[in-house]
Amino acid sequence: MTKNITAGADRRRAASGDLLGPNSEIGRKLKQYYDELVSDHVPDRFAQLLSQLEQAEPAQKKD
């Protein structure tokens, strides 16, 4: 009987596209966290430092 219950749950998960089962909630939370990080504003000072780094890299390659 337990096998039938487990098999039924597996079929429902597969039919709904939820292949990760209980781990799918973790995956959703990780994706949500990543999406929030990507959309965060980059501080102006950090953007300036990145720009300076990008300008310095071509000069280093020429040397």
PDB file of N, CA and C in Angstrom:
ATOM      1  N   MET A   1       0.814  -1.193   0.000  1.00  0.00           N
ATOM      2  CA  MET A   1       0.000   0.000   0.000  1.00  0.00           C
ATOM      3  C   MET A   1       0.861   1.261   0.000  1.00  0.00           C
ATOM      4  N   THR A   2       1.936   1.257   0.789  1.00  0.00           N
ATOM      5  CA  THR A   2       2.819   2.422   0.839  1.00  0.00           C
ATOM      6  C   THR A   2       3.445   2.677  -0.515  1.00  0.00           C
ATOM      7  N   LYS A   3       3.774   1.610  -1.257  1.00  0.00           N
ATOM      8  CA  LYS A   3       4.345   1.768  -2.596  1.00  0.00           C
ATOM      9  C   LYS A   3       3.373   2.488  -3.516  1.00  0.00           C
ATOM     10  N   ASN A   4       2.089   2.170  -3.427  1.00  0.00           N
ATOM     11  CA  ASN A   4       1.085   2.807  -4.269  1.00  0.00           C
ATOM     12  C   ASN A   4       0.964   4.300  -3.965  1.00  0.00           C
ATOM     13  N   ILE A   5       1.029   4.656  -2.694  1.00  0.00           N
ATOM     14  CA  ILE A   5       0.943   6.065  -2.300  1.00  0.00           C
ATOM     15  C   ILE A   5       2.158   6.820  -2.816  1.00  0.00           C
ATOM     16  N   THR A   6       3.328   6.241  -2.635  1.00  0.00           N
ATOM     17  CA  THR A   6       4.570   6.869  -3.103  1.00  0.00           C
ATOM     18  C   THR A   6       4.577   6.994  -4.612  1.00  0.00           C
ATOM     19  N   ALA A   7       4.161   5.973  -5.316  1.00  0.00           N
ATOM     20  CA  ALA A   7       4.131   6.010  -6.780  1.00  0.00           C
ATOM     21  C   ALA A   7       3.155   7.061  -7.269  1.00  0.00           C
ATOM     22  N   GLY A   8       2.022   7.196  -6.609  1.00  0.00           N
ATOM     23  CA  GLY A   8       1.043   8.209  -6.983  1.00  0.00           C
ATOM     24  C   GLY A   8       1.589   9.617  -6.790  1.00  0.00           C
ATOM     25  N   ALA A   9       2.291   9.825  -5.703  1.00  0.00           N
ATOM     26  CA  ALA A   9       2.888  11.136  -5.447  1.00  0.00           C
ATOM     27  C   ALA A   9       3.955  11.445  -6.491  1.00  0.00           C
ATOM     28  N   ASP A  10       4.744  10.435  -6.863  1.00  0.00           N
ATOM     29  CA  ASP A  10       5.775  10.619  -7.884  1.00  0.00           C
ATOM     30  C   ASP A  10       5.153  10.980  -9.227  1.00  0.00           C
ATOM     31  N   ARG A  11       4.047  10.335  -9.573  1.00  0.00           N
ATOM     32  CA  ARG A  11       3.370  10.636 -10.841  1.00  0.00           C
ATOM     33  C   ARG A  11       2.811  12.052 -10.841  1.00  0.00           C
ATOM     34  N   ARG A  12       2.236  12.468  -9.713  1.00  0.00           N
ATOM     35  CA  ARG A  12       1.690  13.830  -9.630  1.00  0.00           C
ATOM     36  C   ARG A  12       2.806  14.858  -9.753  1.00  0.00           C
ATOM     37  N   ARG A  13       3.935  14.612  -9.115  1.00  0.00           N
ATOM     38  CA  ARG A  13       5.074  15.528  -9.201  1.00  0.00           C
ATOM     39  C   ARG A  13       5.574  15.621 -10.625  1.00  0.00           C
ATOM     40  N   ALA A  14       5.724  14.484 -11.293  1.00  0.00           N
ATOM     41  CA  ALA A  14       6.214  14.462 -12.670  1.00  0.00           C
ATOM     42  C   ALA A  14       5.224  15.158 -13.604  1.00  0.00           C
ATOM     43  N   ALA A  15       3.935  14.941 -13.379  1.00  0.00           N
ATOM     44  CA  ALA A  15       2.920  15.550 -14.233  1.00  0.00           C
ATOM     45  C   ALA A  15       2.878  17.063 -14.053  1.00  0.00           C
ATOM     46  N   SER A  16       3.171  17.536 -12.857  1.00  0.00           N
ATOM     47  CA  SER A  16       3.134  18.979 -12.609  1.00  0.00           C
ATOM     48  C   SER A  16       4.455  19.654 -12.968  1.00  0.00           C
ATOM     49  N   GLY A  17       5.450  18.882 -13.399  1.00  0.00           N
ATOM     50  CA  GLY A  17       6.736  19.447 -13.759  1.00  0.00           C
ATOM     51  C   GLY A  17       7.634  19.656 -12.553  1.00  0.00           C
ATOM     52  N   ASP A  18       7.248  19.164 -11.397  1.00  0.00           N
ATOM     53  CA  ASP A  18       8.012  19.318 -10.164  1.00  0.00           C
ATOM     54  C   ASP A  18       8.922  18.113  -9.997  1.00  0.00           C
ATOM     55  N   LEU A  19      10.037  18.108 -10.703  1.00  0.00           N
ATOM     56  CA  LEU A  19      10.930  16.952 -10.673  1.00  0.00           C
ATOM     57  C   LEU A  19      11.794  16.898  -9.422  1.00  0.00           C
ATOM     58  N   LEU A  20      11.933  18.016  -8.730  1.00  0.00           N
ATOM     59  CA  LEU A  20      12.783  18.047  -7.550  1.00  0.00           C
ATOM     60  C   LEU A  20      12.060  17.634  -6.275  1.00  0.00           C
ATOM     61  N   GLY A  21      10.756  17.519  -6.336  1.00  0.00           N
ATOM     62  CA  GLY A  21       9.992  17.123  -5.158  1.00  0.00           C
ATOM     63  C   GLY A  21      10.129  18.149  -4.049  1.00  0.00           C
ATOM     64  N   PRO A  22      10.463  17.706  -2.851  1.00  0.00           N
ATOM     65  CA  PRO A  22      10.573  18.629  -1.717  1.00  0.00           C
ATOM     66  C   PRO A  22      11.658  19.695  -1.923  1.00  0.00           C
ATOM     67  N   ASN A  23      12.657  19.406  -2.748  1.00  0.00           N
ATOM     68  CA  ASN A  23      13.733  20.367  -2.981  1.00  0.00           C
ATOM     69  C   ASN A  23      13.320  21.515  -3.891  1.00  0.00           C
ATOM     70  N   SER A  24      12.168  21.390  -4.529  1.00  0.00           N
ATOM     71  CA  SER A  24      11.746  22.448  -5.444  1.00  0.00           C
ATOM     72  C   SER A  24      11.499  23.761  -4.700  1.00  0.00           C
ATOM     73  N   GLU A  25      11.055  23.692  -3.464  1.00  0.00           N
ATOM     74  CA  GLU A  25      10.850  24.915  -2.675  1.00  0.00           C
ATOM     75  C   GLU A  25      12.191  25.600  -2.425  1.00  0.00           C
ATOM     76  N   ILE A  26      13.215  24.829  -2.148  1.00  0.00           N
ATOM     77  CA  ILE A  26      14.554  25.390  -1.966  1.00  0.00           C
ATOM     78  C   ILE A  26      15.010  26.055  -3.258  1.00  0.00           C
ATOM     79  N   GLY A  27      14.779  25.394  -4.384  1.00  0.00           N
ATOM     80  CA  GLY A  27      15.144  25.958  -5.680  1.00  0.00           C
ATOM     81  C   GLY A  27      14.423  27.257  -5.957  1.00  0.00           C
ATOM     82  N   ARG A  28      13.151  27.309  -5.627  1.00  0.00           N
ATOM     83  CA  ARG A  28      12.378  28.544  -5.832  1.00  0.00           C
ATOM     84  C   ARG A  28      12.926  29.686  -4.971  1.00  0.00           C
ATOM     85  N   LYS A  29      13.259  29.375  -3.723  1.00  0.00           N
ATOM     86  CA  LYS A  29      13.798  30.402  -2.822  1.00  0.00           C
ATOM     87  C   LYS A  29      15.157  30.894  -3.321  1.00  0.00           C
ATOM     88  N   LEU A  30      16.012  29.976  -3.783  1.00  0.00           N
ATOM     89  CA  LEU A  30      17.316  30.372  -4.307  1.00  0.00           C
ATOM     90  C   LEU A  30      17.170  31.259  -5.536  1.00  0.00           C
ATOM     91  N   LYS A  31      16.247  30.897  -6.425  1.00  0.00           N
ATOM     92  CA  LYS A  31      16.014  31.715  -7.619  1.00  0.00           C
ATOM     93  C   LYS A  31      15.507  33.090  -7.230  1.00  0.00           C
ATOM     94  N   GLN A  32      14.601  33.164  -6.269  1.00  0.00           N
ATOM     95  CA  GLN A  32      14.077  34.443  -5.805  1.00  0.00           C
ATOM     96  C   GLN A  32      15.210  35.290  -5.224  1.00  0.00           C
ATOM     97  N   TYR A  33      16.068  34.687  -4.422  1.00  0.00           N
ATOM     98  CA  TYR A  33      17.193  35.403  -3.821  1.00  0.00           C
ATOM     99  C   TYR A  33      18.146  35.911  -4.902  1.00  0.00           C
ATOM    100  N   TYR A  34      18.456  35.063  -5.878  1.00  0.00           N
ATOM    101  CA  TYR A  34      19.343  35.458  -6.977  1.00  0.00           C
ATOM    102  C   TYR A  34      18.734  36.612  -7.771  1.00  0.00           C
ATOM    103  N   ASP A  35      17.462  36.527  -8.085  1.00  0.00           N
ATOM    104  CA  ASP A  35      16.792  37.585  -8.840  1.00  0.00           C
ATOM    105  C   ASP A  35      16.841  38.922  -8.096  1.00  0.00           C
ATOM    106  N   GLU A  36      16.696  38.861  -6.770  1.00  0.00           N
ATOM    107  CA  GLU A  36      16.769  40.084  -5.969  1.00  0.00           C
ATOM    108  C   GLU A  36      18.179  40.670  -6.003  1.00  0.00           C
ATOM    109  N   LEU A  37      19.194  39.803  -5.937  1.00  0.00           N
ATOM    110  CA  LEU A  37      20.575  40.282  -5.978  1.00  0.00           C
ATOM    111  C   LEU A  37      20.901  40.938  -7.309  1.00  0.00           C
ATOM    112  N   VAL A  38      20.446  40.332  -8.388  1.00  0.00           N
ATOM    113  CA  VAL A  38      20.733  40.847  -9.724  1.00  0.00           C
ATOM    114  C   VAL A  38      20.068  42.202  -9.937  1.00  0.00           C
ATOM    115  N   SER A  39      18.902  42.393  -9.352  1.00  0.00           N
ATOM    116  CA  SER A  39      18.166  43.642  -9.568  1.00  0.00           C
ATOM    117  C   SER A  39      18.565  44.746  -8.591  1.00  0.00           C
ATOM    118  N   ASP A  40      19.427  44.440  -7.612  1.00  0.00           N
ATOM    119  CA  ASP A  40      19.855  45.461  -6.653  1.00  0.00           C
ATOM    120  C   ASP A  40      20.659  46.562  -7.333  1.00  0.00           C
ATOM    121  N   HIS A  41      20.541  47.755  -6.807  1.00  0.00           N
ATOM    122  CA  HIS A  41      21.278  48.915  -7.310  1.00  0.00           C
ATOM    123  C   HIS A  41      22.748  48.797  -6.910  1.00  0.00           C
ATOM    124  N   VAL A  42      23.653  49.074  -7.843  1.00  0.00           N
ATOM    125  CA  VAL A  42      25.085  49.073  -7.563  1.00  0.00           C
ATOM    126  C   VAL A  42      25.452  50.468  -7.056  1.00  0.00           C
ATOM    127  N   PRO A  43      26.090  50.551  -5.887  1.00  0.00           N
ATOM    128  CA  PRO A  43      26.477  51.870  -5.364  1.00  0.00           C
ATOM    129  C   PRO A  43      27.392  52.604  -6.351  1.00  0.00           C
ATOM    130  N   ASP A  44      27.260  53.919  -6.403  1.00  0.00           N
ATOM    131  CA  ASP A  44      28.032  54.730  -7.347  1.00  0.00           C
ATOM    132  C   ASP A  44      29.539  54.527  -7.180  1.00  0.00           C
ATOM    133  N   ARG A  45      30.003  54.485  -5.969  1.00  0.00           N
ATOM    134  CA  ARG A  45      31.446  54.324  -5.721  1.00  0.00           C
ATOM    135  C   ARG A  45      31.939  52.989  -6.269  1.00  0.00           C
ATOM    136  N   PHE A  46      31.162  51.952  -6.108  1.00  0.00           N
ATOM    137  CA  PHE A  46      31.533  50.634  -6.616  1.00  0.00           C
ATOM    138  C   PHE A  46      31.551  50.639  -8.138  1.00  0.00           C
ATOM    139  N   ALA A  47      30.577  51.294  -8.753  1.00  0.00           N
ATOM    140  CA  ALA A  47      30.539  51.392 -10.216  1.00  0.00           C
ATOM    141  C   ALA A  47      31.751  52.163 -10.731  1.00  0.00           C
ATOM    142  N   GLN A  48      32.174  53.209 -10.018  1.00  0.00           N
ATOM    143  CA  GLN A  48      33.359  53.969 -10.412  1.00  0.00           C
ATOM    144  C   GLN A  48      34.615  53.106 -10.333  1.00  0.00           C
ATOM    145  N   LEU A  49      34.726  52.332  -9.283  1.00  0.00           N
ATOM    146  CA  LEU A  49      35.887  51.445  -9.140  1.00  0.00           C
ATOM    147  C   LEU A  49      35.924  50.402 -10.254  1.00  0.00           C
ATOM    148  N   LEU A  50      34.776  49.861 -10.614  1.00  0.00           N
ATOM    149  CA  LEU A  50      34.725  48.893 -11.713  1.00  0.00           C
ATOM    150  C   LEU A  50      35.135  49.540 -13.033  1.00  0.00           C
ATOM    151  N   SER A  51      34.704  50.765 -13.246  1.00  0.00           N
ATOM    152  CA  SER A  51      35.067  51.489 -14.457  1.00  0.00           C
ATOM    153  C   SER A  51      36.574  51.718 -14.517  1.00  0.00           C
ATOM    154  N   GLN A  52      37.170  52.105 -13.401  1.00  0.00           N
ATOM    155  CA  GLN A  52      38.618  52.308 -13.345  1.00  0.00           C
ATOM    156  C   GLN A  52      39.367  51.005 -13.619  1.00  0.00           C
ATOM    157  N   LEU A  53      38.855  49.923 -13.104  1.00  0.00           N
ATOM    158  CA  LEU A  53      39.472  48.617 -13.330  1.00  0.00           C
ATOM    159  C   LEU A  53      39.414  48.235 -14.803  1.00  0.00           C
ATOM    160  N   GLU A  54      38.270  48.461 -15.427  1.00  0.00           N
ATOM    161  CA  GLU A  54      38.117  48.151 -16.844  1.00  0.00           C
ATOM    162  C   GLU A  54      39.087  48.972 -17.702  1.00  0.00           C
ATOM    163  N   GLN A  55      39.304  50.224 -17.335  1.00  0.00           N
ATOM    164  CA  GLN A  55      40.226  51.087 -18.068  1.00  0.00           C
ATOM    165  C   GLN A  55      41.666  50.657 -17.841  1.00  0.00           C
ATOM    166  N   ALA A  56      41.985  50.152 -16.675  1.00  0.00           N
ATOM    167  CA  ALA A  56      43.347  49.747 -16.363  1.00  0.00           C
ATOM    168  C   ALA A  56      43.724  48.416 -17.017  1.00  0.00           C
ATOM    169  N   GLU A  57      42.770  47.539 -17.243  1.00  0.00           N
ATOM    170  CA  GLU A  57      43.065  46.220 -17.810  1.00  0.00           C
ATOM    171  C   GLU A  57      43.680  46.302 -19.215  1.00  0.00           C
ATOM    172  N   PRO A  58      43.135  47.110 -20.151  1.00  0.00           N
ATOM    173  CA  PRO A  58      43.766  47.180 -21.471  1.00  0.00           C
ATOM    174  C   PRO A  58      45.192  47.713 -21.410  1.00  0.00           C
ATOM    175  N   ALA A  59      45.458  48.631 -20.479  1.00  0.00           N
ATOM    176  CA  ALA A  59      46.805  49.182 -20.332  1.00  0.00           C
ATOM    177  C   ALA A  59      47.769  48.090 -19.865  1.00  0.00           C
ATOM    178  N   GLN A  60      47.328  47.198 -19.013  1.00  0.00           N
ATOM    179  CA  GLN A  60      48.171  46.107 -18.528  1.00  0.00           C
ATOM    180  C   GLN A  60      48.471  45.109 -19.638  1.00  0.00           C
ATOM    181  N   LYS A  61      47.520  44.867 -20.513  1.00  0.00           N
ATOM    182  CA  LYS A  61      47.720  43.912 -21.610  1.00  0.00           C
ATOM    183  C   LYS A  61      48.735  44.422 -22.609  1.00  0.00           C
ATOM    184  N   LYS A  62      48.833  45.752 -22.792  1.00  0.00           N
ATOM    185  CA  LYS A  62      49.780  46.334 -23.734  1.00  0.00           C
ATOM    186  C   LYS A  62      51.201  46.233 -23.235  1.00  0.00           C
ATOM    187  N   ASP A  63      51.394  46.196 -21.915  1.00  0.00           N
ATOM    188  CA  ASP A  63      52.748  46.149 -21.337  1.00  0.00           C
ATOM    189  C   ASP A  63      53.387  44.818 -21.438  1.00  0.00           C
TER     190      ASP A  63
END
